[in-house]
Protein backbone atom coordinates (compact mmCIF):
# COMPACT_ATOMS: atom_id res chain seq x y z
CA MET A 1 0.02 -0.35 -0.06
CA GLN A 2 3.22 2.53 0.75
CA ASP A 3 4.05 2.09 -2.77
CA ALA A 4 0.70 2.57 -4.14
CA THR A 5 0.03 5.82 -2.03
CA SER A 6 3.64 7.33 -3.50
CA ARG A 7 3.02 6.84 -6.76
CA GLU A 8 -0.45 8.19 -5.93
CA LYS A 9 1.42 11.67 -4.63
CA ILE A 10 3.92 11.51 -7.81
CA LEU A 11 0.69 11.59 -9.74
CA LYS A 12 -1.52 14.24 -7.86
CA LYS A 13 1.46 16.69 -8.15
CA ILE A 14 2.18 15.83 -12.09
CA ARG A 15 -1.46 16.82 -12.15
CA GLN A 16 -1.39 19.67 -10.35
CA ALA A 17 1.53 21.24 -12.28
CA LEU A 18 0.23 20.72 -15.39
CA ILE A 19 -3.36 22.39 -14.08
CA HIS A 20 -1.52 25.18 -12.33
CA LYS A 21 1.49 26.14 -14.67
CA THR A 22 4.06 28.27 -13.57
CA THR A 23 4.90 31.65 -15.12
CA ALA A 24 7.92 31.40 -17.19
CA ARG A 25 10.60 33.62 -15.29
CA PHE A 26 12.23 34.37 -18.30
CA PRO A 27 9.16 34.77 -21.47
CA ASN A 28 10.72 36.82 -23.86
CA ILE A 29 13.59 34.51 -24.68
CA ASP A 30 14.39 34.07 -28.47
CA TRP A 31 15.40 30.46 -28.67
CA GLU A 32 15.81 30.74 -32.25
CA LYS A 33 18.69 33.05 -32.07
CA ASN A 34 22.50 32.16 -32.69
CA VAL A 35 24.30 32.65 -30.18
CA TYR A 36 27.78 31.94 -31.87
CA ALA A 37 30.19 34.97 -32.96
CA ASN A 38 29.85 35.58 -36.49
CA GLU A 39 33.39 35.29 -38.21
CA GLU A 40 34.02 36.54 -41.64
CA VAL A 41 34.94 33.36 -43.41
CA SER A 42 33.43 31.19 -45.77
CA LEU A 43 31.52 28.18 -45.18
CA GLU A 44 34.17 26.29 -46.63
CA GLU A 45 36.88 27.72 -44.97
CA LYS A 46 34.93 27.50 -41.40
CA PHE A 47 34.24 23.95 -41.82
CA ALA A 48 37.74 22.60 -43.07
CA THR A 49 39.08 24.62 -40.42
CA ALA A 50 36.86 22.81 -37.77
CA PHE A 51 36.96 19.16 -39.52
CA THR A 52 40.60 19.55 -39.36
CA LYS A 53 40.89 20.12 -35.85
CA VAL A 54 39.25 16.93 -35.13
CA GLY A 55 41.61 14.80 -37.37
CA GLY A 56 39.54 14.89 -40.70
CA GLN A 57 41.24 15.68 -43.60
CA PHE A 58 39.79 18.87 -46.53
CA VAL A 59 40.27 19.10 -50.19
CA PHE A 60 38.56 21.23 -52.26
CA CYS A 61 37.88 20.36 -56.14
CA GLU A 62 37.07 22.58 -59.28
CA ASN A 63 34.48 19.77 -60.43
CA GLU A 64 34.21 15.86 -60.30
CA MET A 65 36.59 14.86 -62.28
CA GLU A 66 39.21 16.54 -60.53
CA PHE A 67 38.03 14.68 -57.52
CA LEU A 68 38.61 11.84 -58.90
CA GLU A 69 41.84 12.78 -59.85
CA ASN A 70 42.99 13.41 -56.48
CA VAL A 71 42.29 10.48 -55.01
CA ILE A 72 43.96 8.62 -57.53
CA MET A 73 47.36 10.48 -55.92
CA LEU A 74 46.55 9.53 -52.52
CA ALA A 75 46.07 6.19 -53.35
CA GLN A 76 49.25 5.95 -54.90
CA GLU A 77 50.79 7.87 -52.41
CA ASN A 78 49.39 5.84 -49.33
CA LYS A 79 49.40 2.51 -51.61
CA TRP A 80 45.38 1.99 -51.60
CA LYS A 81 44.03 -1.47 -53.58
CA GLN A 82 40.56 -1.58 -53.09
CA PHE A 83 37.71 0.70 -53.82
CA TYR A 84 34.46 0.60 -52.76
CA CYS A 85 31.58 2.33 -53.67
CA GLN A 86 27.57 1.96 -54.29
CA GLU A 87 26.08 4.90 -55.16
CA LYS A 88 25.18 5.21 -59.17
CA LYS A 89 26.02 9.27 -59.09
CA ILE A 90 29.90 8.58 -58.42
CA THR A 91 30.07 5.18 -60.50
CA ASP A 92 29.05 6.75 -63.80
CA TYR A 93 32.36 9.58 -62.82
CA MET A 94 34.30 6.49 -62.17
CA ASP A 95 32.81 4.22 -65.03
CA GLN A 96 34.26 7.79 -67.53
CA ILE A 97 37.73 7.10 -66.54
CA GLU A 98 38.06 3.25 -65.92
CA PHE A 99 38.45 3.84 -62.03
CA PRO A 100 38.98 0.36 -60.41
CA TYR A 101 36.14 0.07 -57.82
CA THR A 102 33.64 -3.22 -56.90
CA LYS A 103 30.05 -3.35 -55.35
CA GLU A 104 30.56 -6.35 -53.59
CA ASP A 105 30.31 -5.75 -49.47
CA LYS A 106 30.00 -8.97 -48.47
CA THR A 107 34.06 -9.01 -47.65
CA PHE A 108 35.69 -5.59 -46.45
CA PRO A 109 39.78 -6.87 -46.01
CA GLU A 110 41.89 -4.37 -44.00
CA GLY A 111 42.82 -1.33 -45.96
CA MET A 112 39.39 -0.55 -47.78
CA VAL A 113 38.83 2.41 -49.41
CA ALA A 114 35.13 3.09 -49.23
CA ILE A 115 33.46 5.92 -51.46
CA THR A 116 30.44 7.67 -50.62
CA SER A 117 28.45 11.10 -50.58
CA CYS A 118 26.60 12.82 -47.61
CA GLU A 119 23.82 14.55 -46.79
CA ALA A 120 25.30 18.04 -45.60
CA LEU A 121 28.39 19.32 -44.09
CA VAL A 122 27.82 21.46 -40.89
CA ALA A 123 30.66 24.31 -40.95
CA ARG A 124 30.46 25.41 -37.75
CA LEU A 125 30.82 21.78 -36.03
CA GLY A 126 33.02 20.22 -39.08
CA ALA A 127 30.42 17.58 -39.13
CA VAL A 128 29.62 15.12 -42.29
CA ILE A 129 25.93 14.16 -42.04
CA ILE A 130 25.22 11.08 -43.37
CA SER A 131 21.60 8.88 -44.03
CA SER A 132 20.70 5.36 -44.87
CA LYS A 133 18.77 6.46 -48.06
CA GLN A 134 22.62 7.70 -49.22
CA GLY A 135 22.58 4.22 -51.60
CA SER A 136 25.60 2.80 -49.77
CA GLY A 137 23.50 1.43 -47.07
CA ARG A 138 24.96 1.36 -43.48
CA LYS A 139 28.26 -0.72 -43.75
CA LEU A 140 30.17 1.84 -45.87
CA PHE A 141 29.95 4.25 -43.04
CA VAL A 142 31.69 2.18 -40.48
CA VAL A 143 33.37 -0.85 -41.83
CA PRO A 144 36.23 0.38 -43.69
CA THR A 145 39.71 1.53 -43.16
CA ILE A 146 39.41 4.91 -45.28
CA HIS A 147 36.12 6.39 -46.15
CA VAL A 148 36.30 9.09 -48.96
CA VAL A 149 33.15 11.30 -49.15
CA MET A 150 32.05 13.22 -52.30
CA ALA A 151 30.43 16.98 -51.35
CA TYR A 152 29.42 20.02 -52.84
CA THR A 153 29.63 23.56 -51.73
CA SER A 154 25.62 23.85 -52.11
CA GLN A 155 25.52 20.93 -49.11
CA LEU A 156 27.65 23.36 -46.75
CA VAL A 157 25.75 24.90 -43.76
CA PRO A 158 25.89 27.10 -40.59
CA GLU A 159 24.19 25.17 -38.30
CA LEU A 160 23.41 21.21 -37.48
CA LYS A 161 19.45 22.41 -37.70
CA ASP A 162 19.94 23.85 -41.13
CA ALA A 163 21.39 20.60 -42.18
CA LEU A 164 18.26 19.10 -40.56
CA SER A 165 15.91 21.62 -42.76
CA LEU A 166 17.77 20.46 -45.73
CA ILE A 167 17.17 16.81 -45.15
CA LYS A 168 13.59 17.56 -44.35
CA SER A 169 13.43 19.31 -47.58
CA LYS A 170 14.80 16.75 -49.99
CA TYR A 171 12.69 13.77 -48.86
CA ASN A 172 9.52 15.48 -47.89
CA ASP A 173 9.57 14.96 -44.77
CA GLN A 174 9.96 11.43 -45.02
CA LEU A 175 12.96 11.18 -42.51
CA PRO A 176 15.65 7.95 -43.21
CA SER A 177 15.57 5.44 -40.50
CA MET A 178 19.28 6.79 -39.69
CA ILE A 179 21.01 9.97 -39.54
CA ALA A 180 24.42 10.43 -38.42
CA SER A 181 26.88 13.14 -38.02
CA LEU A 182 30.79 12.00 -38.60
CA ASN A 183 33.26 14.14 -36.93
CA GLY A 184 36.53 13.25 -37.85
CA PRO A 185 37.94 9.53 -37.38
CA SER A 186 36.23 7.68 -34.16
CA ARG A 187 38.01 8.09 -30.86
CA THR A 188 37.53 7.66 -27.77
CA ALA A 189 38.63 8.68 -23.78
CA ASP A 190 36.71 5.74 -21.97
CA ILE A 191 39.95 3.60 -20.97
CA GLU A 192 41.89 5.44 -18.24
CA LYS A 193 40.95 8.91 -19.52
CA THR A 194 43.59 8.07 -22.83
CA LEU A 195 42.07 9.33 -26.09
CA VAL A 196 42.62 6.76 -28.28
CA THR A 197 42.01 7.40 -32.36
CA PRO A 198 40.77 5.18 -34.15
CA ALA A 199 38.28 3.15 -31.47
CA HIS A 200 36.08 2.07 -34.50
CA GLY A 201 35.19 2.79 -37.36
CA PRO A 202 37.00 4.17 -40.47
CA ARG A 203 40.96 5.07 -39.30
CA ASP A 204 40.74 8.30 -41.70
CA ILE A 205 38.13 10.17 -42.93
CA PHE A 206 38.72 12.76 -46.63
CA VAL A 207 35.87 15.16 -47.03
CA PHE A 208 36.39 16.64 -51.01
CA VAL A 209 34.16 19.55 -51.53
CA ILE A 210 33.47 20.19 -55.05
CA ASP A 211 32.40 23.43 -56.26
CA ASP A 212 28.69 23.80 -57.82
CA ALA A 213 28.31 27.07 -57.32
CA LYS A 214 28.21 27.56 -60.90
């Protein structure tokens, strides 16, 4: 009975609180106002600065072919051999220059490179926003050793809320079942407060931003 009585007391307090609402102490607060300082730099510069601070690597490209040329140069320098890509809008460009890749995702060897697109880039956070509707599934965001992201300047937004608005607009409010934020290579300090990277997921993340303002 004591448990029931305690429960009823709590529920009674909740009902009273809902009926007799307390007047807000600060009713005129603008919750939508940006509280961060406005820096006189472009979104590209702001994203690049924030992304490289967390261990990501940023490359600006004029077009898709320059993007692939840069990837080829990186592959030669780092001896990358296996590339995985499942998104048609990317593989169409790769096919034009006979870029070697596979769509087979049953085996993921060490050292594999996944090439994907993204939903948006959040400039202030240096975050890459991805979703399950991009055509790459979910594996290519967490399993590969190296993750290469092909993005466009039109996908750069100032804040996270702007990225979510972009996704809602793109999918007509039918949001993907998974939306995630990538902030550089994974890292953790759970064990003895020692920062370890990568903890899980890709060891290196490269973001290539293509200028589509033209």
